């Protein structure tokens, strides 16, 4: 029953801060803020997108996307 329900999933929604990152924020010399992502997360998202899943990444931050 549980595995059957998984077949209905079409979309994954993630909060970027603390989920896809470790919470570290780096600043460049120009004051631009950068976040570090785990390559394994990026690879998994890429595979999911290639399989036809919708991917939505949200953030509570006020930075420019």
N, C-alpha and C. Protein backbone atom coordinates (compact mmCIF):
# COMPACT_ATOMS: atom_id res chain seq x y z
N UNK A 1 0.83 -1.19 0.00
CA UNK A 1 0.00 0.00 0.00
C UNK A 1 0.88 1.26 0.00
N UNK A 2 1.89 1.30 0.87
CA UNK A 2 2.76 2.47 0.95
C UNK A 2 3.47 2.72 -0.37
N UNK A 3 4.02 1.67 -0.96
CA UNK A 3 4.74 1.84 -2.23
C UNK A 3 3.81 2.28 -3.35
N UNK A 4 2.58 1.84 -3.32
CA UNK A 4 1.60 2.27 -4.32
C UNK A 4 1.35 3.77 -4.22
N UNK A 5 1.29 4.30 -2.99
CA UNK A 5 1.07 5.73 -2.79
C UNK A 5 2.23 6.56 -3.33
N UNK A 6 3.44 6.01 -3.29
CA UNK A 6 4.60 6.74 -3.79
C UNK A 6 4.50 6.99 -5.29
N UNK A 7 3.78 6.16 -6.00
CA UNK A 7 3.63 6.32 -7.45
C UNK A 7 2.83 7.56 -7.81
N UNK A 8 2.11 8.12 -6.83
CA UNK A 8 1.30 9.32 -7.07
C UNK A 8 2.09 10.62 -6.93
N UNK A 9 3.32 10.53 -6.47
CA UNK A 9 4.14 11.73 -6.27
C UNK A 9 4.57 12.29 -7.62
N UNK A 10 4.33 13.59 -7.82
CA UNK A 10 4.73 14.24 -9.07
C UNK A 10 5.68 15.41 -8.83
N UNK A 11 5.73 15.91 -7.60
CA UNK A 11 6.48 17.13 -7.31
C UNK A 11 7.24 17.00 -5.99
N UNK A 12 8.45 17.52 -5.98
CA UNK A 12 9.24 17.63 -4.75
C UNK A 12 9.45 19.11 -4.46
N UNK A 13 9.20 19.51 -3.21
CA UNK A 13 9.37 20.90 -2.80
C UNK A 13 10.37 20.93 -1.65
N UNK A 14 11.40 21.75 -1.79
CA UNK A 14 12.45 21.84 -0.78
C UNK A 14 12.67 23.29 -0.38
N UNK A 15 12.93 23.51 0.90
CA UNK A 15 13.42 24.80 1.38
C UNK A 15 14.93 24.73 1.25
N UNK A 16 15.52 25.66 0.57
CA UNK A 16 16.95 25.60 0.28
C UNK A 16 17.80 25.72 1.55
N UNK A 17 17.43 26.58 2.46
CA UNK A 17 18.25 26.87 3.64
C UNK A 17 18.16 25.74 4.67
N UNK A 18 19.28 25.08 4.91
CA UNK A 18 19.33 24.02 5.91
C UNK A 18 18.86 22.67 5.40
N UNK A 19 18.30 22.61 4.20
CA UNK A 19 17.88 21.34 3.61
C UNK A 19 18.85 20.97 2.49
N UNK A 20 19.00 21.85 1.54
CA UNK A 20 19.94 21.62 0.45
C UNK A 20 21.30 22.25 0.74
N UNK A 21 21.40 23.00 1.82
CA UNK A 21 22.67 23.58 2.25
C UNK A 21 22.92 23.18 3.70
N UNK A 22 24.12 23.44 4.17
CA UNK A 22 24.41 23.17 5.58
C UNK A 22 24.24 24.42 6.43
N UNK A 23 23.70 25.47 5.85
CA UNK A 23 23.48 26.70 6.59
C UNK A 23 24.62 27.70 6.50
N UNK A 24 25.71 27.31 5.87
CA UNK A 24 26.85 28.21 5.74
C UNK A 24 26.58 29.25 4.66
N UNK A 25 26.89 30.50 4.97
CA UNK A 25 26.79 31.59 3.99
C UNK A 25 28.16 32.23 3.88
N UNK A 26 28.65 32.36 2.66
CA UNK A 26 29.95 32.97 2.42
C UNK A 26 29.75 34.31 1.73
N UNK A 27 30.62 35.25 1.99
CA UNK A 27 30.54 36.57 1.37
C UNK A 27 31.77 36.79 0.49
N UNK A 28 31.53 37.29 -0.72
CA UNK A 28 32.63 37.63 -1.61
C UNK A 28 33.19 38.99 -1.22
N UNK A 29 34.27 39.38 -1.86
CA UNK A 29 34.86 40.69 -1.60
C UNK A 29 33.90 41.81 -1.94
N UNK A 30 32.98 41.55 -2.87
CA UNK A 30 31.99 42.55 -3.29
C UNK A 30 30.75 42.56 -2.40
N UNK A 31 30.71 41.68 -1.40
CA UNK A 31 29.56 41.62 -0.51
C UNK A 31 28.45 40.69 -0.98
N UNK A 32 28.68 40.00 -2.09
CA UNK A 32 27.69 39.04 -2.58
C UNK A 32 27.67 37.82 -1.66
N UNK A 33 26.47 37.38 -1.28
CA UNK A 33 26.33 36.23 -0.39
C UNK A 33 26.18 34.96 -1.21
N UNK A 34 26.93 33.93 -0.85
CA UNK A 34 26.92 32.66 -1.56
C UNK A 34 26.58 31.53 -0.59
N UNK A 35 25.87 30.53 -1.08
CA UNK A 35 25.57 29.34 -0.30
C UNK A 35 26.27 28.16 -0.95
N UNK A 36 26.64 27.19 -0.15
CA UNK A 36 27.29 25.99 -0.65
C UNK A 36 26.29 24.84 -0.67
N UNK A 37 26.23 24.13 -1.80
CA UNK A 37 25.31 23.01 -1.96
C UNK A 37 26.09 21.71 -2.06
N UNK A 38 25.50 20.63 -1.57
CA UNK A 38 26.11 19.32 -1.68
C UNK A 38 25.88 18.80 -3.10
N UNK A 39 26.93 18.33 -3.73
CA UNK A 39 26.85 17.85 -5.10
C UNK A 39 25.90 16.66 -5.23
N UNK A 40 25.80 15.86 -4.17
CA UNK A 40 24.89 14.70 -4.20
C UNK A 40 23.44 15.15 -4.27
N UNK A 41 23.10 16.23 -3.57
CA UNK A 41 21.74 16.77 -3.65
C UNK A 41 21.45 17.24 -5.07
N UNK A 42 22.41 17.94 -5.65
CA UNK A 42 22.23 18.44 -7.01
C UNK A 42 22.06 17.31 -8.01
N UNK A 43 22.82 16.26 -7.84
CA UNK A 43 22.71 15.10 -8.73
C UNK A 43 21.34 14.44 -8.59
N UNK A 44 20.87 14.28 -7.35
CA UNK A 44 19.56 13.67 -7.12
C UNK A 44 18.44 14.51 -7.73
N UNK A 45 18.53 15.83 -7.59
CA UNK A 45 17.53 16.71 -8.19
C UNK A 45 17.55 16.62 -9.71
N UNK A 46 18.74 16.54 -10.26
CA UNK A 46 18.88 16.41 -11.71
C UNK A 46 18.26 15.10 -12.21
N UNK A 47 18.50 14.02 -11.50
CA UNK A 47 17.90 12.73 -11.88
C UNK A 47 16.38 12.77 -11.78
N UNK A 48 15.88 13.37 -10.70
CA UNK A 48 14.43 13.46 -10.52
C UNK A 48 13.79 14.27 -11.65
N UNK A 49 14.43 15.37 -12.03
CA UNK A 49 13.91 16.20 -13.12
C UNK A 49 13.92 15.43 -14.44
N UNK A 50 14.98 14.67 -14.69
CA UNK A 50 15.06 13.87 -15.92
C UNK A 50 13.99 12.78 -15.95
N UNK A 51 13.58 12.31 -14.77
CA UNK A 51 12.52 11.29 -14.67
C UNK A 51 11.13 11.90 -14.80
N UNK A 52 11.07 13.24 -14.91
CA UNK A 52 9.78 13.89 -15.12
C UNK A 52 9.14 14.49 -13.88
N UNK A 53 9.83 14.44 -12.74
CA UNK A 53 9.29 15.04 -11.53
C UNK A 53 9.44 16.56 -11.59
N UNK A 54 8.48 17.26 -11.02
CA UNK A 54 8.58 18.71 -10.87
C UNK A 54 9.42 18.98 -9.63
N UNK A 55 10.31 19.96 -9.72
CA UNK A 55 11.17 20.34 -8.60
C UNK A 55 10.89 21.80 -8.27
N UNK A 56 10.60 22.08 -7.02
CA UNK A 56 10.36 23.44 -6.56
C UNK A 56 11.29 23.71 -5.38
N UNK A 57 12.09 24.75 -5.49
CA UNK A 57 13.01 25.12 -4.42
C UNK A 57 12.61 26.49 -3.92
N UNK A 58 12.35 26.59 -2.62
CA UNK A 58 11.91 27.84 -2.02
C UNK A 58 12.92 28.31 -0.99
N UNK A 59 12.83 29.57 -0.62
CA UNK A 59 13.70 30.14 0.40
C UNK A 59 12.97 31.26 1.12
N UNK A 60 13.18 31.34 2.40
CA UNK A 60 12.63 32.44 3.17
C UNK A 60 13.54 33.66 3.12
N UNK A 61 14.70 33.51 2.49
CA UNK A 61 15.64 34.62 2.38
C UNK A 61 15.15 35.70 1.45
N UNK A 62 15.76 36.86 1.57
CA UNK A 62 15.36 38.00 0.75
C UNK A 62 16.36 38.29 -0.36
N UNK A 63 17.29 37.38 -0.58
CA UNK A 63 18.30 37.58 -1.61
C UNK A 63 17.73 37.46 -3.01
N UNK A 64 18.46 37.98 -3.97
CA UNK A 64 18.06 37.89 -5.38
C UNK A 64 18.33 36.47 -5.86
N UNK A 65 17.38 35.90 -6.57
CA UNK A 65 17.54 34.53 -7.08
C UNK A 65 18.37 34.52 -8.33
